[in-house]
């Protein structure tokens, strides 16, 4: 299957091309790269042998297999498509909001926090702070489902910062986005449960023009062939 290397990669050897052995972080990735290289070599051979092939456009110099290895490896690199602010909206902001207003509410209702000169807090102050805390908790419910999403080869890698799952693009049924909300979000609907449900929500990289479709939405639709 593959040979484990000290640097943490797996090697899928081809003795006829020792300088261009495909490597991946897992044995499955190494096999995927080798499979893609073989397919592209076959396609290149067919193009070269075609009767109407323009041989003037042939690439000169450099081992063709090594060039294909490089291009296929680029396709198999993991690319994060969710915003770096995901962890802020999902974990940091809610924790700060609830902690601050939780302590403030407890202090006001227990009279630990008083007004000037030690006077008891006003009733309206108590309820205002409690209301703000509840609003923050309600907003947090929207951000809890946020996922960190990246692409690798033909798969999506979906993570909730505790565990992650790989989902092939072919399982995507629909992609939608909320253009006029801030922050903008994208929903991906799958044909069945992925381990995080049949739908995931994530924040794409910020784009200033809300009236335009986000490039990530367009790319996901292209890769999955969905609407």
C-alpha atoms as a PDB file:
ATOM      1  CA  UNK A   1       0.000   0.000   0.000  1.00  0.00           C
ATOM      2  CA  UNK A   2       2.480   2.632   1.122  1.00  0.00           C
ATOM      3  CA  UNK A   3       5.642   3.148   3.111  1.00  0.00           C
ATOM      4  CA  UNK A   4       5.537   5.412   6.207  1.00  0.00           C
ATOM      5  CA  UNK A   5       8.239   8.109   6.131  1.00  0.00           C
ATOM      6  CA  UNK A   6       9.919   9.733   9.187  1.00  0.00           C
ATOM      7  CA  UNK A   7       8.517  13.183   8.364  1.00  0.00           C
ATOM      8  CA  UNK A   8       4.961  11.875   8.686  1.00  0.00           C
ATOM      9  CA  UNK A   9       4.139  11.264   4.997  1.00  0.00           C
ATOM     10  CA  UNK A  10       3.279   8.042   3.178  1.00  0.00           C
ATOM     11  CA  UNK A  11       5.095   6.989   0.033  1.00  0.00           C
ATOM     12  CA  UNK A  12       3.544   5.157  -2.906  1.00  0.00           C
ATOM     13  CA  UNK A  13       6.592   3.891  -4.862  1.00  0.00           C
ATOM     14  CA  UNK A  14       6.829   3.534  -8.637  1.00  0.00           C
ATOM     15  CA  UNK A  15      10.115   1.890  -9.454  1.00  0.00           C
ATOM     16  CA  UNK A  16      10.085   3.135 -13.058  1.00  0.00           C
ATOM     17  CA  UNK A  17       9.961   6.776 -11.884  1.00  0.00           C
ATOM     18  CA  UNK A  18      12.013   6.868  -8.656  1.00  0.00           C
ATOM     19  CA  UNK A  19      12.408  10.667  -8.764  1.00  0.00           C
ATOM     20  CA  UNK A  20       8.667  11.299  -8.808  1.00  0.00           C
ATOM     21  CA  UNK A  21       7.149   9.089  -6.127  1.00  0.00           C
ATOM     22  CA  UNK A  22       3.872  10.629  -4.868  1.00  0.00           C
ATOM     23  CA  UNK A  23       3.769  11.415  -1.152  1.00  0.00           C
ATOM     24  CA  UNK A  24       0.824  12.248   1.099  1.00  0.00           C
ATOM     25  CA  UNK A  25       0.021  12.734   4.761  1.00  0.00           C
ATOM     26  CA  UNK A  26      -1.969   9.499   4.743  1.00  0.00           C
ATOM     27  CA  UNK A  27      -1.771   6.316   2.686  1.00  0.00           C
ATOM     28  CA  UNK A  28      -5.164   7.166   1.156  1.00  0.00           C
ATOM     29  CA  UNK A  29      -3.907  10.584   0.022  1.00  0.00           C
ATOM     30  CA  UNK A  30      -0.775   9.053  -1.519  1.00  0.00           C
ATOM     31  CA  UNK A  31      -2.935   6.568  -3.415  1.00  0.00           C
ATOM     32  CA  UNK A  32      -5.259   9.344  -4.605  1.00  0.00           C
ATOM     33  CA  UNK A  33      -2.288  11.344  -5.900  1.00  0.00           C
ATOM     34  CA  UNK A  34      -0.849   8.286  -7.665  1.00  0.00           C
ATOM     35  CA  UNK A  35      -4.255   7.573  -9.229  1.00  0.00           C
ATOM     36  CA  UNK A  36      -4.606  11.151 -10.473  1.00  0.00           C
ATOM     37  CA  UNK A  37      -1.076  11.118 -11.898  1.00  0.00           C
ATOM     38  CA  UNK A  38      -1.786   7.885 -13.770  1.00  0.00           C
ATOM     39  CA  UNK A  39      -4.996   9.327 -15.211  1.00  0.00           C
ATOM     40  CA  UNK A  40      -3.262  12.528 -16.334  1.00  0.00           C
ATOM     41  CA  UNK A  41      -0.400  10.539 -17.902  1.00  0.00           C
ATOM     42  CA  UNK A  42      -2.917   8.528 -19.911  1.00  0.00           C
ATOM     43  CA  UNK A  43      -4.682  11.725 -21.002  1.00  0.00           C
ATOM     44  CA  UNK A  44      -1.361  13.313 -21.993  1.00  0.00           C
ATOM     45  CA  UNK A  45      -0.395  10.214 -24.018  1.00  0.00           C
ATOM     46  CA  UNK A  46      -3.725  10.254 -25.845  1.00  0.00           C
ATOM     47  CA  UNK A  47      -3.337  13.949 -26.670  1.00  0.00           C
ATOM     48  CA  UNK A  48       0.206  13.354 -27.930  1.00  0.00           C
ATOM     49  CA  UNK A  49      -0.804  10.401 -30.110  1.00  0.00           C
ATOM     50  CA  UNK A  50      -3.886  12.112 -31.521  1.00  0.00           C
ATOM     51  CA  UNK A  51      -3.682  12.508 -35.350  1.00  0.00           C
ATOM     52  CA  UNK A  52      -4.322  16.256 -35.182  1.00  0.00           C
ATOM     53  CA  UNK A  53      -2.070  16.919 -32.170  1.00  0.00           C
ATOM     54  CA  UNK A  54      -0.082  20.144 -32.387  1.00  0.00           C
ATOM     55  CA  UNK A  55       3.393  18.934 -31.449  1.00  0.00           C
ATOM     56  CA  UNK A  56       4.742  22.470 -31.546  1.00  0.00           C
ATOM     57  CA  UNK A  57       2.956  23.117 -28.210  1.00  0.00           C
ATOM     58  CA  UNK A  58       4.669  20.233 -26.444  1.00  0.00           C
ATOM     59  CA  UNK A  59       6.387  21.087 -23.208  1.00  0.00           C
ATOM     60  CA  UNK A  60      10.172  20.859 -23.599  1.00  0.00           C
ATOM     61  CA  UNK A  61      12.443  20.147 -20.643  1.00  0.00           C
ATOM     62  CA  UNK A  62      11.726  18.589 -17.254  1.00  0.00           C
ATOM     63  CA  UNK A  63      10.436  15.070 -16.571  1.00  0.00           C
ATOM     64  CA  UNK A  64       6.734  15.009 -17.544  1.00  0.00           C
ATOM     65  CA  UNK A  65       5.825  12.671 -14.686  1.00  0.00           C
ATOM     66  CA  UNK A  66       7.530  14.940 -12.154  1.00  0.00           C
ATOM     67  CA  UNK A  67       5.635  17.937 -13.574  1.00  0.00           C
ATOM     68  CA  UNK A  68       2.359  16.066 -13.211  1.00  0.00           C
ATOM     69  CA  UNK A  69       3.228  15.081  -9.636  1.00  0.00           C
ATOM     70  CA  UNK A  70       3.700  18.747  -8.750  1.00  0.00           C
ATOM     71  CA  UNK A  71       0.392  19.778 -10.336  1.00  0.00           C
ATOM     72  CA  UNK A  72      -1.568  16.976  -8.697  1.00  0.00           C
ATOM     73  CA  UNK A  73      -0.015  17.700  -5.306  1.00  0.00           C
ATOM     74  CA  UNK A  74      -1.174  21.305  -5.664  1.00  0.00           C
ATOM     75  CA  UNK A  75      -4.718  20.016  -6.156  1.00  0.00           C
ATOM     76  CA  UNK A  76      -4.430  17.887  -3.004  1.00  0.00           C
ATOM     77  CA  UNK A  77      -3.214  20.697  -0.759  1.00  0.00           C
ATOM     78  CA  UNK A  78      -5.611  21.606   2.021  1.00  0.00           C
ATOM     79  CA  UNK A  79      -7.110  25.060   1.457  1.00  0.00           C
ATOM     80  CA  UNK A  80      -9.202  26.714   4.170  1.00  0.00           C
ATOM     81  CA  UNK A  81     -12.343  28.369   2.753  1.00  0.00           C
ATOM     82  CA  UNK A  82     -13.928  29.517   6.023  1.00  0.00           C
ATOM     83  CA  UNK A  83     -13.079  32.821   7.689  1.00  0.00           C
ATOM     84  CA  UNK A  84     -10.376  33.093  10.334  1.00  0.00           C
ATOM     85  CA  UNK A  85     -13.003  34.918  12.412  1.00  0.00           C
ATOM     86  CA  UNK A  86     -15.007  31.699  12.821  1.00  0.00           C
ATOM     87  CA  UNK A  87     -13.409  30.832  16.155  1.00  0.00           C
ATOM     88  CA  UNK A  88     -14.037  34.389  17.389  1.00  0.00           C
ATOM     89  CA  UNK A  89     -17.775  34.325  16.585  1.00  0.00           C
ATOM     90  CA  UNK A  90     -18.249  30.710  17.656  1.00  0.00           C
ATOM     91  CA  UNK A  91     -16.277  30.635  20.929  1.00  0.00           C
ATOM     92  CA  UNK A  92     -14.511  33.830  22.014  1.00  0.00           C
ATOM     93  CA  UNK A  93     -17.267  36.462  21.601  1.00  0.00           C
ATOM     94  CA  UNK A  94     -20.054  34.387  23.212  1.00  0.00           C
ATOM     95  CA  UNK A  95     -17.807  33.435  26.141  1.00  0.00           C
ATOM     96  CA  UNK A  96     -16.887  37.075  26.770  1.00  0.00           C
ATOM     97  CA  UNK A  97     -20.481  38.323  26.382  1.00  0.00           C
ATOM     98  CA  UNK A  98     -22.076  35.714  28.617  1.00  0.00           C
ATOM     99  CA  UNK A  99     -19.340  35.980  31.256  1.00  0.00           C
ATOM    100  CA  UNK A 100     -19.576  39.778  31.464  1.00  0.00           C
ATOM    101  CA  UNK A 101     -23.363  40.044  31.538  1.00  0.00           C
ATOM    102  CA  UNK A 102     -23.683  36.954  33.738  1.00  0.00           C
ATOM    103  CA  UNK A 103     -21.480  38.495  36.409  1.00  0.00           C
ATOM    104  CA  UNK A 104     -23.174  41.896  36.006  1.00  0.00           C
ATOM    105  CA  UNK A 105     -26.661  40.391  36.327  1.00  0.00           C
ATOM    106  CA  UNK A 106     -25.706  38.388  39.412  1.00  0.00           C
ATOM    107  CA  UNK A 107     -24.110  41.433  41.012  1.00  0.00           C
ATOM    108  CA  UNK A 108     -27.105  43.681  40.383  1.00  0.00           C
ATOM    109  CA  UNK A 109     -29.749  41.195  41.529  1.00  0.00           C
ATOM    110  CA  UNK A 110     -27.746  40.251  44.634  1.00  0.00           C
ATOM    111  CA  UNK A 111     -27.078  43.943  45.387  1.00  0.00           C
ATOM    112  CA  UNK A 112     -23.345  43.257  45.327  1.00  0.00           C
ATOM    113  CA  UNK A 113     -23.101  46.103  42.820  1.00  0.00           C
ATOM    114  CA  UNK A 114     -24.751  49.260  44.066  1.00  0.00           C
ATOM    115  CA  UNK A 115     -25.221  52.797  42.905  1.00  0.00           C
ATOM    116  CA  UNK A 116     -23.312  55.899  44.024  1.00  0.00           C
ATOM    117  CA  UNK A 117     -22.879  56.131  47.774  1.00  0.00           C
ATOM    118  CA  UNK A 118     -23.861  52.509  48.302  1.00  0.00           C
ATOM    119  CA  UNK A 119     -27.446  52.955  47.138  1.00  0.00           C
ATOM    120  CA  UNK A 120     -29.130  49.800  45.806  1.00  0.00           C
ATOM    121  CA  UNK A 121     -29.245  49.403  42.024  1.00  0.00           C
ATOM    122  CA  UNK A 122     -32.339  50.607  40.207  1.00  0.00           C
ATOM    123  CA  UNK A 123     -34.788  47.888  39.100  1.00  0.00           C
ATOM    124  CA  UNK A 124     -34.613  49.037  35.468  1.00  0.00           C
ATOM    125  CA  UNK A 125     -30.816  48.626  35.508  1.00  0.00           C
ATOM    126  CA  UNK A 126     -31.197  45.034  36.611  1.00  0.00           C
ATOM    127  CA  UNK A 127     -33.626  44.162  33.852  1.00  0.00           C
ATOM    128  CA  UNK A 128     -31.668  46.000  31.154  1.00  0.00           C
ATOM    129  CA  UNK A 129     -28.507  44.067  31.953  1.00  0.00           C
ATOM    130  CA  UNK A 130     -30.435  40.787  32.160  1.00  0.00           C
ATOM    131  CA  UNK A 131     -32.076  41.524  28.795  1.00  0.00           C
ATOM    132  CA  UNK A 132     -28.732  42.222  27.126  1.00  0.00           C
ATOM    133  CA  UNK A 133     -27.363  38.971  28.506  1.00  0.00           C
ATOM    134  CA  UNK A 134     -30.341  37.015  27.149  1.00  0.00           C
ATOM    135  CA  UNK A 135     -30.016  38.695  23.749  1.00  0.00           C
ATOM    136  CA  UNK A 136     -26.372  37.637  23.631  1.00  0.00           C
ATOM    137  CA  UNK A 137     -27.317  34.061  24.536  1.00  0.00           C
ATOM    138  CA  UNK A 138     -29.933  34.029  21.753  1.00  0.00           C
ATOM    139  CA  UNK A 139     -27.409  35.311  19.199  1.00  0.00           C
ATOM    140  CA  UNK A 140     -24.940  32.655  20.337  1.00  0.00           C
ATOM    141  CA  UNK A 141     -27.417  29.989  19.252  1.00  0.00           C
ATOM    142  CA  UNK A 142     -26.887  31.208  15.685  1.00  0.00           C
ATOM    143  CA  UNK A 143     -23.098  31.003  15.938  1.00  0.00           C
ATOM    144  CA  UNK A 144     -22.860  27.634  17.746  1.00  0.00           C
ATOM    145  CA  UNK A 145     -23.316  25.585  14.520  1.00  0.00           C
ATOM    146  CA  UNK A 146     -20.481  27.411  12.707  1.00  0.00           C
ATOM    147  CA  UNK A 147     -17.865  25.094  11.254  1.00  0.00           C
ATOM    148  CA  UNK A 148     -14.302  25.432  10.053  1.00  0.00           C
ATOM    149  CA  UNK A 149     -14.284  24.257   6.430  1.00  0.00           C
ATOM    150  CA  UNK A 150     -11.423  23.453   4.080  1.00  0.00           C
ATOM    151  CA  UNK A 151     -10.982  21.666   0.751  1.00  0.00           C
ATOM    152  CA  UNK A 152      -8.550  18.844   0.020  1.00  0.00           C
ATOM    153  CA  UNK A 153      -8.564  16.988  -3.266  1.00  0.00           C
ATOM    154  CA  UNK A 154     -12.168  15.955  -3.915  1.00  0.00           C
ATOM    155  CA  UNK A 155     -13.331  16.382  -0.334  1.00  0.00           C
ATOM    156  CA  UNK A 156     -14.538  18.973   2.110  1.00  0.00           C
ATOM    157  CA  UNK A 157     -12.974  18.801   5.569  1.00  0.00           C
ATOM    158  CA  UNK A 158     -15.475  20.008   8.168  1.00  0.00           C
ATOM    159  CA  UNK A 159     -14.417  20.689  11.769  1.00  0.00           C
ATOM    160  CA  UNK A 160     -16.047  21.985  14.948  1.00  0.00           C
ATOM    161  CA  UNK A 161     -12.556  22.462  16.526  1.00  0.00           C
ATOM    162  CA  UNK A 162     -12.963  19.174  18.420  1.00  0.00           C
ATOM    163  CA  UNK A 163     -13.353  16.649  15.622  1.00  0.00           C
ATOM    164  CA  UNK A 164     -13.478  16.724  11.834  1.00  0.00           C
ATOM    165  CA  UNK A 165     -15.082  14.736   9.035  1.00  0.00           C
ATOM    166  CA  UNK A 166     -14.307  14.398   5.327  1.00  0.00           C
ATOM    167  CA  UNK A 167     -17.226  14.725   2.932  1.00  0.00           C
ATOM    168  CA  UNK A 168     -16.850  14.169  -0.847  1.00  0.00           C
ATOM    169  CA  UNK A 169     -18.046  16.998  -3.091  1.00  0.00           C
ATOM    170  CA  UNK A 170     -20.415  14.588  -4.819  1.00  0.00           C
ATOM    171  CA  UNK A 171     -22.549  14.439  -1.668  1.00  0.00           C
ATOM    172  CA  UNK A 172     -23.368  18.161  -1.872  1.00  0.00           C
ATOM    173  CA  UNK A 173     -26.951  18.749  -2.993  1.00  0.00           C
ATOM    174  CA  UNK A 174     -27.331  22.507  -2.611  1.00  0.00           C
ATOM    175  CA  UNK A 175     -25.306  25.574  -1.626  1.00  0.00           C
ATOM    176  CA  UNK A 176     -26.885  28.835  -0.449  1.00  0.00           C
ATOM    177  CA  UNK A 177     -25.604  32.042   1.104  1.00  0.00           C
ATOM    178  CA  UNK A 178     -26.964  34.998   3.079  1.00  0.00           C
ATOM    179  CA  UNK A 179     -25.568  37.960   1.163  1.00  0.00           C
ATOM    180  CA  UNK A 180     -27.067  40.796   3.181  1.00  0.00           C
ATOM    181  CA  UNK A 181     -26.386  39.492   6.692  1.00  0.00           C
ATOM    182  CA  UNK A 182     -23.306  40.412   8.661  1.00  0.00           C
ATOM    183  CA  UNK A 183     -21.268  38.342   8.864  1.00  0.00           C
ATOM    184  CA  UNK A 184     -22.179  36.672   5.591  1.00  0.00           C
ATOM    185  CA  UNK A 185     -22.693  32.920   5.916  1.00  0.00           C
ATOM    186  CA  UNK A 186     -22.881  29.948   3.559  1.00  0.00           C
ATOM    187  CA  UNK A 187     -25.002  26.826   4.022  1.00  0.00           C
ATOM    188  CA  UNK A 188     -24.111  23.510   2.414  1.00  0.00           C
ATOM    189  CA  UNK A 189     -26.839  20.850   2.190  1.00  0.00           C
ATOM    190  CA  UNK A 190     -25.837  17.189   1.767  1.00  0.00           C
ATOM    191  CA  UNK A 191     -27.653  14.077   0.614  1.00  0.00           C
ATOM    192  CA  UNK A 192     -27.438  12.537   4.108  1.00  0.00           C
ATOM    193  CA  UNK A 193     -26.050  13.044   7.606  1.00  0.00           C
ATOM    194  CA  UNK A 194     -22.331  13.819   7.582  1.00  0.00           C
ATOM    195  CA  UNK A 195     -21.709  13.458  11.313  1.00  0.00           C
ATOM    196  CA  UNK A 196     -22.576  17.141  11.759  1.00  0.00           C
ATOM    197  CA  UNK A 197     -26.036  16.792  10.269  1.00  0.00           C
ATOM    198  CA  UNK A 198     -27.276  17.084   6.694  1.00  0.00           C
ATOM    199  CA  UNK A 199     -26.448  20.818   6.627  1.00  0.00           C
ATOM    200  CA  UNK A 200     -23.423  22.804   7.749  1.00  0.00           C
ATOM    201  CA  UNK A 201     -23.054  26.546   8.259  1.00  0.00           C
ATOM    202  CA  UNK A 202     -19.797  28.467   7.881  1.00  0.00           C
ATOM    203  CA  UNK A 203     -18.497  32.012   7.427  1.00  0.00           C
ATOM    204  CA  UNK A 204     -16.566  32.559   4.181  1.00  0.00           C
ATOM    205  CA  UNK A 205     -13.638  34.920   3.826  1.00  0.00           C
ATOM    206  CA  UNK A 206     -14.898  38.511   3.995  1.00  0.00           C
ATOM    207  CA  UNK A 207     -15.968  40.118   0.718  1.00  0.00           C
ATOM    208  CA  UNK A 208     -17.049  43.765   0.657  1.00  0.00           C
ATOM    209  CA  UNK A 209     -19.622  43.557  -2.163  1.00  0.00           C
ATOM    210  CA  UNK A 210     -22.732  41.958  -0.609  1.00  0.00           C
ATOM    211  CA  UNK A 211     -24.771  42.171  -3.837  1.00  0.00           C
ATOM    212  CA  UNK A 212     -22.450  39.705  -5.586  1.00  0.00           C
ATOM    213  CA  UNK A 213     -22.330  35.965  -5.151  1.00  0.00           C
ATOM    214  CA  UNK A 214     -19.351  34.945  -3.036  1.00  0.00           C
ATOM    215  CA  UNK A 215     -16.603  33.164  -5.060  1.00  0.00           C
ATOM    216  CA  UNK A 216     -16.619  30.306  -2.536  1.00  0.00           C
ATOM    217  CA  UNK A 217     -20.318  29.651  -3.178  1.00  0.00           C
ATOM    218  CA  UNK A 218     -19.711  29.604  -6.922  1.00  0.00           C
ATOM    219  CA  UNK A 219     -16.702  27.294  -6.583  1.00  0.00           C
ATOM    220  CA  UNK A 220     -18.584  24.812  -4.375  1.00  0.00           C
ATOM    221  CA  UNK A 221     -21.432  24.667  -6.879  1.00  0.00           C
ATOM    222  CA  UNK A 222     -18.991  24.023  -9.706  1.00  0.00           C
ATOM    223  CA  UNK A 223     -17.157  21.253  -7.849  1.00  0.00           C
ATOM    224  CA  UNK A 224     -20.354  19.511  -6.751  1.00  0.00           C
ATOM    225  CA  UNK A 225     -22.485  20.162  -9.831  1.00  0.00           C
ATOM    226  CA  UNK A 226     -25.262  21.421  -7.537  1.00  0.00           C
ATOM    227  CA  UNK A 227     -27.516  24.468  -7.731  1.00  0.00           C
END
